[in-house]
Protein backbone atom coordinates (compact mmCIF):
# COMPACT_ATOMS: atom_id res chain seq x y z
CA PRO A 1 -4.87 -13.22 -5.62
CA ASP A 2 -3.83 -9.83 -7.02
CA TRP A 3 -1.82 -8.58 -4.03
CA ILE A 4 0.57 -10.78 -2.07
CA TRP A 5 2.81 -10.06 0.90
CA ILE A 6 5.29 -12.81 1.83
CA LYS A 7 7.12 -12.86 5.15
CA ASP A 8 9.95 -15.12 6.35
CA ARG A 9 8.70 -16.55 9.67
CA ASN A 10 12.06 -17.92 10.84
CA GLN A 11 14.54 -15.07 10.56
CA GLY A 12 12.35 -12.02 10.14
CA VAL A 13 14.42 -10.91 7.17
CA SER A 14 12.25 -10.75 4.09
CA HIS A 15 9.09 -8.66 3.74
CA VAL A 16 8.39 -8.72 0.03
CA THR A 17 5.25 -7.71 -1.84
CA TYR A 18 3.86 -8.25 -5.33
CA ASP A 19 0.73 -7.22 -7.20
CA SER A 20 -0.69 -8.29 -10.53
CA SER A 21 -1.09 -4.68 -11.69
CA ARG A 22 2.71 -4.40 -11.85
CA GLY A 23 3.09 -8.07 -12.83
CA ALA A 24 4.70 -11.25 -11.55
CA THR A 25 8.46 -11.09 -10.77
CA LYS A 26 8.14 -7.36 -9.90
CA ARG A 27 9.14 -7.23 -6.26
CA LEU A 28 9.20 -4.51 -3.62
CA PHE A 29 10.61 -4.88 -0.12
CA TRP A 30 8.61 -3.41 2.77
CA ASP A 31 11.59 -3.00 5.07
CA GLY A 32 13.58 -0.60 2.89
CA ASN A 33 13.41 2.15 0.29
CA GLY A 34 14.77 0.19 -2.66
CA ALA A 35 13.30 0.50 -6.13
CA GLU A 36 11.02 -2.00 -7.78
CA ALA A 37 13.11 -4.80 -9.30
CA THR A 38 12.52 -7.74 -11.60
CA ASP A 39 13.41 -11.05 -9.95
CA THR A 40 12.48 -14.17 -11.91
CA GLU A 41 13.36 -16.41 -8.96
CA THR A 42 10.79 -14.98 -6.53
CA LEU A 43 7.06 -14.86 -7.33
CA THR A 44 6.68 -16.12 -10.89
CA ALA A 45 2.90 -16.33 -11.39
CA PHE A 46 -0.45 -15.23 -9.98
CA ASP A 47 -2.64 -18.36 -10.13
CA THR A 48 -6.40 -18.79 -9.83
CA ASP A 49 -5.90 -20.87 -6.67
CA GLY A 50 -2.80 -19.20 -5.23
CA PHE A 51 0.61 -18.27 -6.57
CA THR A 52 3.87 -19.83 -7.81
CA VAL A 53 7.34 -19.00 -6.49
CA GLY A 54 10.86 -19.67 -7.72
CA ASN A 55 13.91 -20.71 -5.69
CA SER A 56 14.87 -17.36 -4.17
CA GLY A 57 15.58 -17.42 -0.45
CA ASN A 58 13.25 -14.44 -0.04
CA VAL A 59 10.27 -16.69 -0.79
CA ASN A 60 11.37 -20.34 -0.97
CA GLU A 61 14.51 -21.26 0.94
CA ASN A 62 14.70 -24.94 1.91
CA THR A 63 13.19 -25.71 5.38
CA THR A 64 12.28 -22.04 5.93
CA ASN A 65 8.72 -21.23 6.98
CA TYR A 66 6.87 -18.38 5.29
CA VAL A 67 3.52 -16.68 5.78
CA SER A 68 1.60 -14.80 3.06
CA TRP A 69 -1.29 -12.35 3.05
CA ASN A 70 -3.37 -12.34 -0.13
CA TRP A 71 -6.09 -10.09 -1.57
CA LEU A 72 -8.20 -10.31 -4.70
CA ALA A 73 -8.88 -7.12 -6.65
CA GLY A 74 -9.86 -8.16 -10.16
CA THR A 75 -11.82 -5.33 -11.80
CA ALA A 76 -9.55 -3.16 -13.96
CA VAL A 77 -9.69 0.64 -13.60
CA SER A 78 -7.82 3.41 -15.40
CA GLY A 79 -8.05 7.09 -16.26
CA ASP A 80 -6.57 10.45 -15.36
CA THR A 81 -5.86 11.73 -11.89
CA THR A 82 -7.74 14.78 -10.61
CA GLY A 83 -7.14 17.84 -8.44
CA SER A 84 -4.46 20.50 -8.88
CA GLY A 85 -1.68 20.58 -11.41
CA THR A 86 -1.11 18.63 -14.60
CA LEU A 87 -3.29 15.53 -14.71
CA LYS A 88 -1.49 12.20 -14.95
CA THR A 89 -2.58 8.67 -15.78
CA TYR A 90 -3.39 5.85 -13.39
CA THR A 91 -4.20 2.16 -13.79
CA GLY A 92 -5.14 -0.53 -11.34
CA GLN A 93 -7.72 -2.91 -9.98
CA VAL A 94 -10.50 -2.78 -7.41
CA ASN A 95 -12.76 -5.14 -5.50
CA THR A 96 -15.76 -3.15 -4.26
CA ASP A 97 -17.07 -6.13 -2.23
CA SER A 98 -13.93 -6.41 -0.10
CA LYS A 99 -13.24 -2.66 -0.45
CA PHE A 100 -9.68 -3.07 -1.66
CA ALA A 101 -7.83 -1.31 -4.48
CA ILE A 102 -4.44 -1.42 -6.18
CA ILE A 103 -3.63 1.83 -7.98
CA LYS A 104 -0.47 2.56 -9.98
CA TYR A 105 -0.26 6.30 -10.57
CA VAL A 106 2.10 8.99 -11.81
CA GLY A 107 2.86 11.95 -9.56
CA ASN A 108 2.57 15.58 -10.67
CA GLY A 109 4.39 17.41 -7.85
CA SER A 110 1.38 19.66 -7.12
CA ASP A 111 -0.51 20.09 -3.87
CA ASN A 112 -3.96 18.45 -3.78
CA HIS A 113 -3.15 15.90 -6.46
CA THR A 114 -6.02 13.44 -6.05
CA ILE A 115 -5.91 9.76 -6.99
CA PRO A 116 -9.20 7.95 -7.78
CA HIS A 117 -9.45 4.60 -5.97
CA HIS A 118 -12.91 3.30 -7.09
CA ILE A 119 -13.61 1.51 -3.79
CA GLY A 120 -16.89 3.36 -3.31
CA ALA A 121 -16.12 4.18 0.34
CA ALA A 122 -13.48 6.31 2.05
CA PRO A 123 -10.35 4.21 2.64
CA ASP A 124 -9.36 3.66 6.25
CA PHE A 125 -5.91 2.32 5.42
CA VAL A 126 -3.65 3.54 2.58
CA ILE A 127 -0.06 2.59 1.73
CA SER A 128 1.93 4.29 -1.02
CA THR A 129 5.52 4.14 -2.26
CA ARG A 130 7.49 5.26 -5.30
CA LEU A 131 8.63 2.52 -7.66
CA THR A 132 11.97 4.18 -8.36
CA GLY A 133 13.12 3.82 -4.75
CA THR A 134 14.98 6.48 -2.70
CA ASP A 135 11.94 6.89 -0.44
CA GLY A 136 9.90 4.70 1.87
CA TRP A 137 6.39 3.40 2.44
CA TYR A 138 3.93 6.07 3.60
CA VAL A 139 0.86 5.00 5.56
CA PHE A 140 -2.45 6.72 6.26
CA HIS A 141 -4.89 5.28 8.78
CA SER A 142 -8.20 6.78 9.78
CA ARG A 143 -7.67 5.90 13.46
CA MET A 144 -3.97 6.71 13.69
CA THR A 145 -4.50 9.93 15.67
CA SER A 146 -7.31 12.35 16.47
CA ASP A 147 -6.38 14.28 13.30
CA PRO A 148 -5.15 11.76 10.69
CA SER A 149 -5.35 14.21 7.78
CA SER A 150 -1.76 15.35 8.29
CA ASP A 151 -0.30 12.33 10.08
CA TYR A 152 1.56 9.33 8.71
CA ILE A 153 3.89 6.51 9.65
CA ARG A 154 6.54 4.74 7.59
CA ILE A 155 6.49 0.94 7.30
CA ASP A 156 10.23 0.93 6.59
CA SER A 157 11.08 2.98 9.69
CA ASN A 158 10.97 2.34 13.44
CA SER A 159 9.97 5.94 14.17
CA GLY A 160 6.55 6.91 15.44
CA THR A 161 3.77 8.96 13.88
CA ASP A 162 4.87 12.14 12.13
CA ASP A 163 2.83 15.22 11.24
CA GLU A 164 3.38 16.75 7.81
CA ASP A 165 0.82 18.52 5.62
CA GLU A 166 2.81 17.69 2.47
CA ILE A 167 1.89 13.99 2.67
CA TRP A 168 -1.93 13.86 2.61
CA THR A 169 -2.29 17.63 1.98
CA ASP A 170 -4.17 17.97 5.29
CA ALA A 171 -7.21 16.08 3.96
CA VAL A 172 -8.46 12.57 4.68
CA PRO A 173 -9.38 10.26 1.77
CA THR A 174 -12.90 10.56 0.43
CA SER A 175 -15.24 7.97 -1.09
CA THR A 176 -13.68 8.70 -4.48
CA VAL A 177 -10.06 9.88 -4.09
CA VAL A 178 -6.92 9.87 -1.96
CA ASN A 179 -5.47 13.36 -1.52
CA LEU A 180 -1.72 13.90 -1.97
CA GLY A 181 0.59 16.75 -1.08
CA THR A 182 3.93 17.73 -2.58
CA ASN A 183 6.22 15.35 -0.68
CA THR A 184 8.35 13.48 -3.24
CA GLY A 185 7.80 10.23 -1.34
CA ILE A 186 4.26 10.06 -2.72
CA ASN A 187 3.93 12.75 -5.40
CA ALA A 188 7.05 13.78 -7.34
CA ASN A 189 6.45 14.97 -10.88
CA ASP A 190 6.52 12.23 -13.53
CA VAL A 191 7.46 9.54 -10.99
CA SER A 192 5.52 6.25 -10.82
CA TYR A 193 4.00 5.04 -7.54
CA ILE A 194 1.97 2.09 -6.29
CA MET A 195 -0.86 2.56 -3.80
CA TYR A 196 -2.82 -0.04 -1.85
CA ALA A 197 -6.06 1.06 -0.16
CA TRP A 198 -8.62 -0.66 2.06
CA ALA A 199 -11.91 0.52 3.58
CA ASN A 200 -13.29 -1.13 6.70
CA GLY A 201 -16.23 -3.43 6.02
CA ASP A 202 -17.36 -7.05 6.15
CA SER A 203 -14.17 -8.32 4.47
CA PHE A 204 -11.57 -6.07 6.09
CA MET A 205 -11.32 -4.41 9.47
CA SER A 206 -8.58 -2.27 10.99
CA GLY A 207 -8.33 -0.02 14.00
CA HIS A 208 -6.13 1.00 16.90
CA TYR A 209 -5.61 0.18 20.55
CA GLU A 210 -3.72 1.58 23.52
CA GLY A 211 -1.57 -0.85 25.44
CA SER A 212 -2.23 -1.33 29.15
CA GLY A 213 0.25 -4.01 30.14
CA SER A 214 -2.60 -6.20 31.40
CA ALA A 215 -3.59 -9.65 30.16
CA SER A 216 -6.13 -8.31 27.67
CA VAL A 217 -7.01 -5.07 25.93
CA ALA A 218 -9.83 -4.21 23.54
CA SER A 219 -9.12 -2.66 20.15
CA ASP A 220 -11.11 0.15 18.54
CA HIS A 221 -11.86 -0.68 14.91
CA LYS A 222 -14.70 1.74 14.20
């Protein structure tokens, strides 16, 4: 796998993620705004049949149960960002079959800074965070609200959906790029970020539902 999310099933404490674009031992916590850190005792290798972990309690405490989500990207991509302002570099990986991309990019602080994702379809689900910390995890979803172009939620927060044009610059992702505004959480000048993006298809499906309190409820994943 190229992207791994590991969760402690017993205590609900650790939510830690890794990707092979940044490299093994480079951890980020979902449930906070801390910076990327090198931890040689957590995930130590991306293997062809899984992954290897060290002895950190975040990933391998004795008798603790963990669950992991894993995605394969594989095809390397790189180039310059597009849109307004000074162009910056990006690198990453994409799997066009499963419609998943990992993109590490540099912000430029300008409105309508656009990040190529190479999926070949408009992403339905995008997560982005700065690697230097001090901010959180910003989420776009195509079914979040009736107008998702300016709406976002934060993985690291228990607040609801917020509306702010400076996140996705009031534009939904296209089949080629994700649009960014001037918010420093996703697009500060000369700051490095990591973005994960998925498009709904045969290998991935996401949607939304409204709770009813009854025994069953159908979700909308169109």
